[in-house]
């Protein structure tokens, strides 16, 4: 970002603040901006705070498309401030919340033999081994290990996002999880009692950050409450998956 491009004057200030933390425009910041902008009277200014440098490149384009004038940016001690005046709204902007709520994430899996399957998602792919394996070593992690890994990763990223929104710098973060399957014999065909999913997941998060422990616990509780993966485990989705012969 050009240090002098669209530099906002030091006299520009507003009571309307959107705390973006380290989110960029492609990872949810625009949704937060739109919601915050809805609370700003027409003609007044919204200050957007973010540590992500790419916002300075992407935000002006969004402002042009939505007819909310971009007034520039200026640096603060540990983030950048971006200023946008509340102007008009396009139909696309008005539909932003509905599009976000109704978005469907997609994956495709190909099995070509043996005990492995290949997952394809957007521009990524990875190998998954058996649904649940007791072997000491395998060529690929099991599906249930991916679930634990997805939960831990979701919590780690969610924690640092919320910490950044509160101005808390996270230096180190590690999460250790373990889980117990209710009845693994349901999966392998030796029993019909109970179910073959996790009945209990526990673990610990270890963090080094520039905040008191009580504040970190509050951020952690908010992270657990909002985690998409944690909520999927706590509030299972309905399944509607059919099979077709090809």
C-alpha atoms as a PDB file:
ATOM      1  CA  UNK A   1       0.000   0.000   0.000  1.00  0.00           C
ATOM      2  CA  UNK A   2       1.394   3.413  -1.026  1.00  0.00           C
ATOM      3  CA  UNK A   3       2.206   5.342   2.159  1.00  0.00           C
ATOM      4  CA  UNK A   4       0.857   8.567   0.659  1.00  0.00           C
ATOM      5  CA  UNK A   5      -2.097   7.276  -1.381  1.00  0.00           C
ATOM      6  CA  UNK A   6      -5.472   8.383  -0.006  1.00  0.00           C
ATOM      7  CA  UNK A   7      -3.905   9.480   3.272  1.00  0.00           C
ATOM      8  CA  UNK A   8      -6.653  10.627   5.647  1.00  0.00           C
ATOM      9  CA  UNK A   9      -6.066  13.883   7.546  1.00  0.00           C
ATOM     10  CA  UNK A  10      -5.305  13.619  11.261  1.00  0.00           C
ATOM     11  CA  UNK A  11      -8.358  15.783  11.975  1.00  0.00           C
ATOM     12  CA  UNK A  12     -10.749  13.161  10.579  1.00  0.00           C
ATOM     13  CA  UNK A  13     -12.480  11.332  13.439  1.00  0.00           C
ATOM     14  CA  UNK A  14     -15.793   9.602  14.060  1.00  0.00           C
ATOM     15  CA  UNK A  15     -17.605   7.814  16.909  1.00  0.00           C
ATOM     16  CA  UNK A  16     -18.551   4.964  14.559  1.00  0.00           C
ATOM     17  CA  UNK A  17     -15.912   2.211  14.802  1.00  0.00           C
ATOM     18  CA  UNK A  18     -15.650  -1.230  13.170  1.00  0.00           C
ATOM     19  CA  UNK A  19     -13.012  -3.427  14.844  1.00  0.00           C
ATOM     20  CA  UNK A  20     -11.674  -5.750  12.162  1.00  0.00           C
ATOM     21  CA  UNK A  21      -8.696  -7.196  14.033  1.00  0.00           C
ATOM     22  CA  UNK A  22      -6.539  -9.026  11.487  1.00  0.00           C
ATOM     23  CA  UNK A  23      -9.382  -9.910   9.117  1.00  0.00           C
ATOM     24  CA  UNK A  24      -8.966  -8.994   5.466  1.00  0.00           C
ATOM     25  CA  UNK A  25     -11.693  -8.192   2.962  1.00  0.00           C
ATOM     26  CA  UNK A  26     -11.833 -11.762   1.701  1.00  0.00           C
ATOM     27  CA  UNK A  27     -12.185 -13.431   5.117  1.00  0.00           C
ATOM     28  CA  UNK A  28     -15.241 -11.688   6.532  1.00  0.00           C
ATOM     29  CA  UNK A  29     -14.222  -8.066   7.089  1.00  0.00           C
ATOM     30  CA  UNK A  30     -16.620  -6.786   4.424  1.00  0.00           C
ATOM     31  CA  UNK A  31     -19.525  -8.469   6.190  1.00  0.00           C
ATOM     32  CA  UNK A  32     -18.560  -6.722   9.438  1.00  0.00           C
ATOM     33  CA  UNK A  33     -18.200  -3.417   7.602  1.00  0.00           C
ATOM     34  CA  UNK A  34     -21.622  -3.737   6.010  1.00  0.00           C
ATOM     35  CA  UNK A  35     -23.270  -4.474   9.356  1.00  0.00           C
ATOM     36  CA  UNK A  36     -21.468  -1.585  11.012  1.00  0.00           C
ATOM     37  CA  UNK A  37     -22.350   0.732   8.119  1.00  0.00           C
ATOM     38  CA  UNK A  38     -26.045  -0.021   8.600  1.00  0.00           C
ATOM     39  CA  UNK A  39     -25.771   1.668  12.014  1.00  0.00           C
ATOM     40  CA  UNK A  40     -24.144   4.815  10.584  1.00  0.00           C
ATOM     41  CA  UNK A  41     -26.461   7.675   9.534  1.00  0.00           C
ATOM     42  CA  UNK A  42     -26.221   8.672   5.872  1.00  0.00           C
ATOM     43  CA  UNK A  43     -23.423  11.163   5.355  1.00  0.00           C
ATOM     44  CA  UNK A  44     -21.495  10.228   8.491  1.00  0.00           C
ATOM     45  CA  UNK A  45     -18.184   8.359   8.593  1.00  0.00           C
ATOM     46  CA  UNK A  46     -17.263   4.822   9.664  1.00  0.00           C
ATOM     47  CA  UNK A  47     -13.731   4.110  10.907  1.00  0.00           C
ATOM     48  CA  UNK A  48     -12.539   0.590  10.097  1.00  0.00           C
ATOM     49  CA  UNK A  49      -9.579  -0.801  12.026  1.00  0.00           C
ATOM     50  CA  UNK A  50      -7.471  -3.667  10.717  1.00  0.00           C
ATOM     51  CA  UNK A  51      -3.912  -4.914  10.953  1.00  0.00           C
ATOM     52  CA  UNK A  52      -4.135  -6.545   7.505  1.00  0.00           C
ATOM     53  CA  UNK A  53      -2.270  -4.389   4.977  1.00  0.00           C
ATOM     54  CA  UNK A  54      -4.256  -5.699   1.980  1.00  0.00           C
ATOM     55  CA  UNK A  55      -7.361  -3.854   3.197  1.00  0.00           C
ATOM     56  CA  UNK A  56      -5.860  -0.651   1.817  1.00  0.00           C
ATOM     57  CA  UNK A  57      -5.889  -2.203  -1.674  1.00  0.00           C
ATOM     58  CA  UNK A  58      -9.278  -3.939  -1.536  1.00  0.00           C
ATOM     59  CA  UNK A  59     -11.488  -1.557   0.452  1.00  0.00           C
ATOM     60  CA  UNK A  60     -11.495   1.309  -2.093  1.00  0.00           C
ATOM     61  CA  UNK A  61     -12.844  -1.058  -4.764  1.00  0.00           C
ATOM     62  CA  UNK A  62     -15.678  -2.148  -2.463  1.00  0.00           C
ATOM     63  CA  UNK A  63     -16.461   1.487  -1.732  1.00  0.00           C
ATOM     64  CA  UNK A  64     -16.745   2.279  -5.444  1.00  0.00           C
ATOM     65  CA  UNK A  65     -19.077  -0.665  -6.048  1.00  0.00           C
ATOM     66  CA  UNK A  66     -21.335   0.178  -3.106  1.00  0.00           C
ATOM     67  CA  UNK A  67     -21.206   3.975  -3.574  1.00  0.00           C
ATOM     68  CA  UNK A  68     -19.840   4.621  -0.096  1.00  0.00           C
ATOM     69  CA  UNK A  69     -17.040   7.188  -0.578  1.00  0.00           C
ATOM     70  CA  UNK A  70     -13.588   6.084   0.572  1.00  0.00           C
ATOM     71  CA  UNK A  71     -11.947   8.907   2.521  1.00  0.00           C
ATOM     72  CA  UNK A  72      -8.503   7.400   3.007  1.00  0.00           C
ATOM     73  CA  UNK A  73      -6.443   5.749   5.704  1.00  0.00           C
ATOM     74  CA  UNK A  74      -3.835   6.561   8.306  1.00  0.00           C
ATOM     75  CA  UNK A  75      -1.667   4.428  10.591  1.00  0.00           C
ATOM     76  CA  UNK A  76      -2.235   3.936  14.315  1.00  0.00           C
ATOM     77  CA  UNK A  77       0.124   2.371  16.840  1.00  0.00           C
ATOM     78  CA  UNK A  78      -0.764  -1.263  16.155  1.00  0.00           C
ATOM     79  CA  UNK A  79      -3.244  -1.120  13.256  1.00  0.00           C
ATOM     80  CA  UNK A  80      -4.389   0.981  10.327  1.00  0.00           C
ATOM     81  CA  UNK A  81      -7.520   3.118  10.237  1.00  0.00           C
ATOM     82  CA  UNK A  82      -9.667   3.297   7.103  1.00  0.00           C
ATOM     83  CA  UNK A  83     -12.441   5.862   6.715  1.00  0.00           C
ATOM     84  CA  UNK A  84     -15.619   5.410   4.666  1.00  0.00           C
ATOM     85  CA  UNK A  85     -18.547   7.806   4.403  1.00  0.00           C
ATOM     86  CA  UNK A  86     -22.043   6.286   4.439  1.00  0.00           C
ATOM     87  CA  UNK A  87     -23.517   6.819   0.990  1.00  0.00           C
ATOM     88  CA  UNK A  88     -25.773   4.704  -1.171  1.00  0.00           C
ATOM     89  CA  UNK A  89     -26.313   0.972  -1.238  1.00  0.00           C
ATOM     90  CA  UNK A  90     -26.517  -1.341  -4.219  1.00  0.00           C
ATOM     91  CA  UNK A  91     -28.855  -4.310  -4.427  1.00  0.00           C
ATOM     92  CA  UNK A  92     -25.829  -6.594  -4.253  1.00  0.00           C
ATOM     93  CA  UNK A  93     -24.808  -5.049  -0.933  1.00  0.00           C
ATOM     94  CA  UNK A  94     -28.306  -5.359   0.477  1.00  0.00           C
ATOM     95  CA  UNK A  95     -28.221  -9.087  -0.327  1.00  0.00           C
ATOM     96  CA  UNK A  96     -24.798  -9.629   1.285  1.00  0.00           C
ATOM     97  CA  UNK A  97     -26.106 -11.003   4.581  1.00  0.00           C
ATOM     98  CA  UNK A  98     -28.497 -13.421   2.865  1.00  0.00           C
ATOM     99  CA  UNK A  99     -25.750 -14.645   0.550  1.00  0.00           C
ATOM    100  CA  UNK A 100     -23.434 -15.243   3.505  1.00  0.00           C
ATOM    101  CA  UNK A 101     -26.136 -17.060   5.479  1.00  0.00           C
ATOM    102  CA  UNK A 102     -27.104 -19.271   2.540  1.00  0.00           C
ATOM    103  CA  UNK A 103     -23.608 -20.011   1.237  1.00  0.00           C
ATOM    104  CA  UNK A 104     -22.919 -23.744   0.861  1.00  0.00           C
ATOM    105  CA  UNK A 105     -19.363 -25.011   1.266  1.00  0.00           C
ATOM    106  CA  UNK A 106     -18.560 -27.905  -1.065  1.00  0.00           C
ATOM    107  CA  UNK A 107     -16.105 -30.786  -1.269  1.00  0.00           C
ATOM    108  CA  UNK A 108     -15.674 -33.750  -3.590  1.00  0.00           C
ATOM    109  CA  UNK A 109     -14.091 -37.081  -2.607  1.00  0.00           C
ATOM    110  CA  UNK A 110     -12.680 -39.729  -4.946  1.00  0.00           C
ATOM    111  CA  UNK A 111     -11.941 -43.300  -3.836  1.00  0.00           C
ATOM    112  CA  UNK A 112      -9.827 -45.415  -6.178  1.00  0.00           C
ATOM    113  CA  UNK A 113      -9.183 -48.467  -4.019  1.00  0.00           C
ATOM    114  CA  UNK A 114      -7.666 -49.464  -0.720  1.00  0.00           C
ATOM    115  CA  UNK A 115      -8.096 -47.580   2.530  1.00  0.00           C
ATOM    116  CA  UNK A 116      -7.638 -44.023   1.287  1.00  0.00           C
ATOM    117  CA  UNK A 117      -9.742 -41.365  -0.379  1.00  0.00           C
ATOM    118  CA  UNK A 118      -8.755 -38.043  -1.945  1.00  0.00           C
ATOM    119  CA  UNK A 119     -10.652 -34.904  -0.938  1.00  0.00           C
ATOM    120  CA  UNK A 120     -10.932 -31.960  -3.340  1.00  0.00           C
ATOM    121  CA  UNK A 121     -12.038 -28.531  -2.136  1.00  0.00           C
ATOM    122  CA  UNK A 122     -11.616 -25.273  -4.075  1.00  0.00           C
ATOM    123  CA  UNK A 123      -7.893 -25.193  -4.975  1.00  0.00           C
ATOM    124  CA  UNK A 124      -6.923 -27.741  -2.286  1.00  0.00           C
ATOM    125  CA  UNK A 125      -6.754 -31.507  -2.027  1.00  0.00           C
ATOM    126  CA  UNK A 126      -5.682 -33.926   0.696  1.00  0.00           C
ATOM    127  CA  UNK A 127      -5.690 -37.630   1.482  1.00  0.00           C
ATOM    128  CA  UNK A 128      -7.833 -39.217   4.196  1.00  0.00           C
ATOM    129  CA  UNK A 129      -7.205 -42.723   5.526  1.00  0.00           C
ATOM    130  CA  UNK A 130      -9.574 -45.098   7.301  1.00  0.00           C
ATOM    131  CA  UNK A 131     -12.522 -43.554   9.185  1.00  0.00           C
ATOM    132  CA  UNK A 132     -10.930 -44.774  12.434  1.00  0.00           C
ATOM    133  CA  UNK A 133      -7.632 -46.638  12.714  1.00  0.00           C
ATOM    134  CA  UNK A 134      -5.897 -48.273  15.668  1.00  0.00           C
ATOM    135  CA  UNK A 135      -2.579 -48.748  13.861  1.00  0.00           C
ATOM    136  CA  UNK A 136       0.492 -46.987  15.220  1.00  0.00           C
ATOM    137  CA  UNK A 137       1.360 -45.751  11.719  1.00  0.00           C
ATOM    138  CA  UNK A 138      -0.747 -45.133   8.617  1.00  0.00           C
ATOM    139  CA  UNK A 139      -0.107 -43.577   5.235  1.00  0.00           C
ATOM    140  CA  UNK A 140      -2.797 -40.960   5.919  1.00  0.00           C
ATOM    141  CA  UNK A 141      -4.628 -39.608   8.986  1.00  0.00           C
ATOM    142  CA  UNK A 142      -8.008 -41.152   9.788  1.00  0.00           C
ATOM    143  CA  UNK A 143     -11.252 -39.287   9.192  1.00  0.00           C
ATOM    144  CA  UNK A 144     -11.909 -38.857  12.915  1.00  0.00           C
ATOM    145  CA  UNK A 145      -8.410 -37.397  13.354  1.00  0.00           C
ATOM    146  CA  UNK A 146      -9.285 -34.851  10.691  1.00  0.00           C
ATOM    147  CA  UNK A 147     -12.341 -33.928  12.753  1.00  0.00           C
ATOM    148  CA  UNK A 148     -10.195 -33.304  15.828  1.00  0.00           C
ATOM    149  CA  UNK A 149      -7.697 -31.393  13.711  1.00  0.00           C
ATOM    150  CA  UNK A 150     -10.444 -29.304  12.107  1.00  0.00           C
ATOM    151  CA  UNK A 151     -11.861 -28.437  15.524  1.00  0.00           C
ATOM    152  CA  UNK A 152      -8.466 -27.465  16.945  1.00  0.00           C
ATOM    153  CA  UNK A 153      -7.590 -25.384  13.867  1.00  0.00           C
ATOM    154  CA  UNK A 154     -10.979 -23.664  13.938  1.00  0.00           C
ATOM    155  CA  UNK A 155     -10.498 -22.751  17.601  1.00  0.00           C
ATOM    156  CA  UNK A 156      -6.912 -21.572  17.071  1.00  0.00           C
ATOM    157  CA  UNK A 157      -7.777 -19.258  14.172  1.00  0.00           C
ATOM    158  CA  UNK A 158     -10.994 -18.092  15.849  1.00  0.00           C
ATOM    159  CA  UNK A 159      -9.139 -17.262  19.061  1.00  0.00           C
ATOM    160  CA  UNK A 160      -6.505 -15.128  17.366  1.00  0.00           C
ATOM    161  CA  UNK A 161      -9.165 -13.294  15.309  1.00  0.00           C
ATOM    162  CA  UNK A 162     -11.103 -12.354  18.450  1.00  0.00           C
ATOM    163  CA  UNK A 163      -7.908 -11.486  20.291  1.00  0.00           C
ATOM    164  CA  UNK A 164      -6.837  -9.177  17.454  1.00  0.00           C
ATOM    165  CA  UNK A 165     -10.243  -7.451  17.516  1.00  0.00           C
ATOM    166  CA  UNK A 166      -9.634  -6.632  21.175  1.00  0.00           C
ATOM    167  CA  UNK A 167      -6.081  -5.455  20.570  1.00  0.00           C
ATOM    168  CA  UNK A 168      -4.505  -8.517  22.182  1.00  0.00           C
ATOM    169  CA  UNK A 169      -1.286  -9.783  20.574  1.00  0.00           C
ATOM    170  CA  UNK A 170      -0.979 -13.577  20.565  1.00  0.00           C
ATOM    171  CA  UNK A 171       2.641 -14.767  20.521  1.00  0.00           C
ATOM    172  CA  UNK A 172       2.134 -18.527  20.815  1.00  0.00           C
ATOM    173  CA  UNK A 173      -0.939 -20.764  20.742  1.00  0.00           C
ATOM    174  CA  UNK A 174      -1.140 -24.550  20.849  1.00  0.00           C
ATOM    175  CA  UNK A 175      -4.230 -26.725  21.296  1.00  0.00           C
ATOM    176  CA  UNK A 176      -4.178 -30.398  22.265  1.00  0.00           C
ATOM    177  CA  UNK A 177      -7.391 -32.430  21.802  1.00  0.00           C
ATOM    178  CA  UNK A 178      -8.393 -36.042  22.372  1.00  0.00           C
ATOM    179  CA  UNK A 179     -11.700 -37.789  21.820  1.00  0.00           C
ATOM    180  CA  UNK A 180     -13.494 -41.036  22.651  1.00  0.00           C
ATOM    181  CA  UNK A 181     -15.787 -42.829  20.198  1.00  0.00           C
ATOM    182  CA  UNK A 182     -19.064 -43.936  21.762  1.00  0.00           C
ATOM    183  CA  UNK A 183     -18.919 -47.456  20.267  1.00  0.00           C
ATOM    184  CA  UNK A 184     -16.406 -48.119  17.497  1.00  0.00           C
ATOM    185  CA  UNK A 185     -17.847 -51.622  16.939  1.00  0.00           C
ATOM    186  CA  UNK A 186     -20.928 -50.031  15.368  1.00  0.00           C
ATOM    187  CA  UNK A 187     -18.707 -48.863  12.515  1.00  0.00           C
ATOM    188  CA  UNK A 188     -16.793 -52.106  11.975  1.00  0.00           C
ATOM    189  CA  UNK A 189     -19.957 -54.192  12.182  1.00  0.00           C
ATOM    190  CA  UNK A 190     -19.612 -56.015  15.466  1.00  0.00           C
ATOM    191  CA  UNK A 191     -22.319 -54.259  17.492  1.00  0.00           C
ATOM    192  CA  UNK A 192     -25.451 -52.157  17.150  1.00  0.00           C
ATOM    193  CA  UNK A 193     -25.616 -50.434  20.524  1.00  0.00           C
ATOM    194  CA  UNK A 194     -24.797 -46.756  20.847  1.00  0.00           C
ATOM    195  CA  UNK A 195     -23.258 -44.926  17.906  1.00  0.00           C
ATOM    196  CA  UNK A 196     -19.915 -44.662  16.132  1.00  0.00           C
ATOM    197  CA  UNK A 197     -19.347 -40.932  16.654  1.00  0.00           C
ATOM    198  CA  UNK A 198     -17.426 -39.018  19.301  1.00  0.00           C
ATOM    199  CA  UNK A 199     -19.176 -39.090  22.659  1.00  0.00           C
ATOM    200  CA  UNK A 200     -16.652 -36.830  24.357  1.00  0.00           C
ATOM    201  CA  UNK A 201     -13.853 -34.480  23.288  1.00  0.00           C
ATOM    202  CA  UNK A 202     -11.499 -32.826  25.753  1.00  0.00           C
ATOM    203  CA  UNK A 203      -8.211 -31.029  25.708  1.00  0.00           C
ATOM    204  CA  UNK A 204      -6.319 -27.872  26.574  1.00  0.00           C
ATOM    205  CA  UNK A 205      -5.223 -24.654  24.911  1.00  0.00           C
ATOM    206  CA  UNK A 206      -1.879 -23.103  25.802  1.00  0.00           C
ATOM    207  CA  UNK A 207      -1.387 -19.446  24.969  1.00  0.00           C
ATOM    208  CA  UNK A 208       1.209 -16.711  25.377  1.00  0.00           C
ATOM    209  CA  UNK A 209      -0.319 -13.273  24.888  1.00  0.00           C
ATOM    210  CA  UNK A 210      -0.119  -9.711  26.163  1.00  0.00           C
ATOM    211  CA  UNK A 211      -3.302  -9.882  28.253  1.00  0.00           C
ATOM    212  CA  UNK A 212      -4.268 -11.121  31.731  1.00  0.00           C
ATOM    213  CA  UNK A 213      -5.447 -14.702  32.042  1.00  0.00           C
ATOM    214  CA  UNK A 214      -9.014 -13.646  32.855  1.00  0.00           C
ATOM    215  CA  UNK A 215      -9.241 -11.717  29.580  1.00  0.00           C
ATOM    216  CA  UNK A 216      -7.832 -14.689  27.663  1.00  0.00           C
ATOM    217  CA  UNK A 217     -10.432 -16.976  29.252  1.00  0.00           C
ATOM    218  CA  UNK A 218     -13.205 -14.621  28.118  1.00  0.00           C
ATOM    219  CA  UNK A 219     -11.854 -14.638  24.563  1.00  0.00           C
ATOM    220  CA  UNK A 220     -11.603 -18.432  24.684  1.00  0.00           C
ATOM    221  CA  UNK A 221     -15.213 -18.836  25.843  1.00  0.00           C
ATOM    222  CA  UNK A 222     -16.388 -16.555  23.035  1.00  0.00           C
ATOM    223  CA  UNK A 223     -14.292 -18.584  20.581  1.00  0.00           C
ATOM    224  CA  UNK A 224     -15.835 -21.879  21.698  1.00  0.00           C
ATOM    225  CA  UNK A 225     -19.325 -20.405  21.504  1.00  0.00           C
ATOM    226  CA  UNK A 226     -18.855 -19.105  17.948  1.00  0.00           C
ATOM    227  CA  UNK A 227     -16.748 -21.894  16.385  1.00  0.00           C
ATOM    228  CA  UNK A 228     -18.444 -23.385  13.277  1.00  0.00           C
ATOM    229  CA  UNK A 229     -16.810 -26.780  13.857  1.00  0.00           C
ATOM    230  CA  UNK A 230     -17.624 -26.856  17.587  1.00  0.00           C
ATOM    231  CA  UNK A 231     -21.229 -25.954  16.823  1.00  0.00           C
ATOM    232  CA  UNK A 232     -21.420 -28.682  14.190  1.00  0.00           C
ATOM    233  CA  UNK A 233     -20.395 -31.217  16.845  1.00  0.00           C
ATOM    234  CA  UNK A 234     -22.720 -29.762  19.481  1.00  0.00           C
ATOM    235  CA  UNK A 235     -25.673 -29.259  17.121  1.00  0.00           C
ATOM    236  CA  UNK A 236     -25.394 -31.986  14.488  1.00  0.00           C
ATOM    237  CA  UNK A 237     -26.528 -31.092  10.973  1.00  0.00           C
ATOM    238  CA  UNK A 238     -29.326 -32.958   9.270  1.00  0.00           C
ATOM    239  CA  UNK A 239     -27.989 -35.405   6.660  1.00  0.00           C
ATOM    240  CA  UNK A 240     -29.562 -35.788   3.228  1.00  0.00           C
ATOM    241  CA  UNK A 241     -27.005 -37.748   1.193  1.00  0.00           C
ATOM    242  CA  UNK A 242     -28.276 -40.097  -1.527  1.00  0.00           C
ATOM    243  CA  UNK A 243     -26.454 -42.648  -3.692  1.00  0.00           C
ATOM    244  CA  UNK A 244     -26.654 -43.039  -7.459  1.00  0.00           C
ATOM    245  CA  UNK A 245     -25.341 -45.834  -9.660  1.00  0.00           C
ATOM    246  CA  UNK A 246     -23.258 -44.492 -12.560  1.00  0.00           C
END
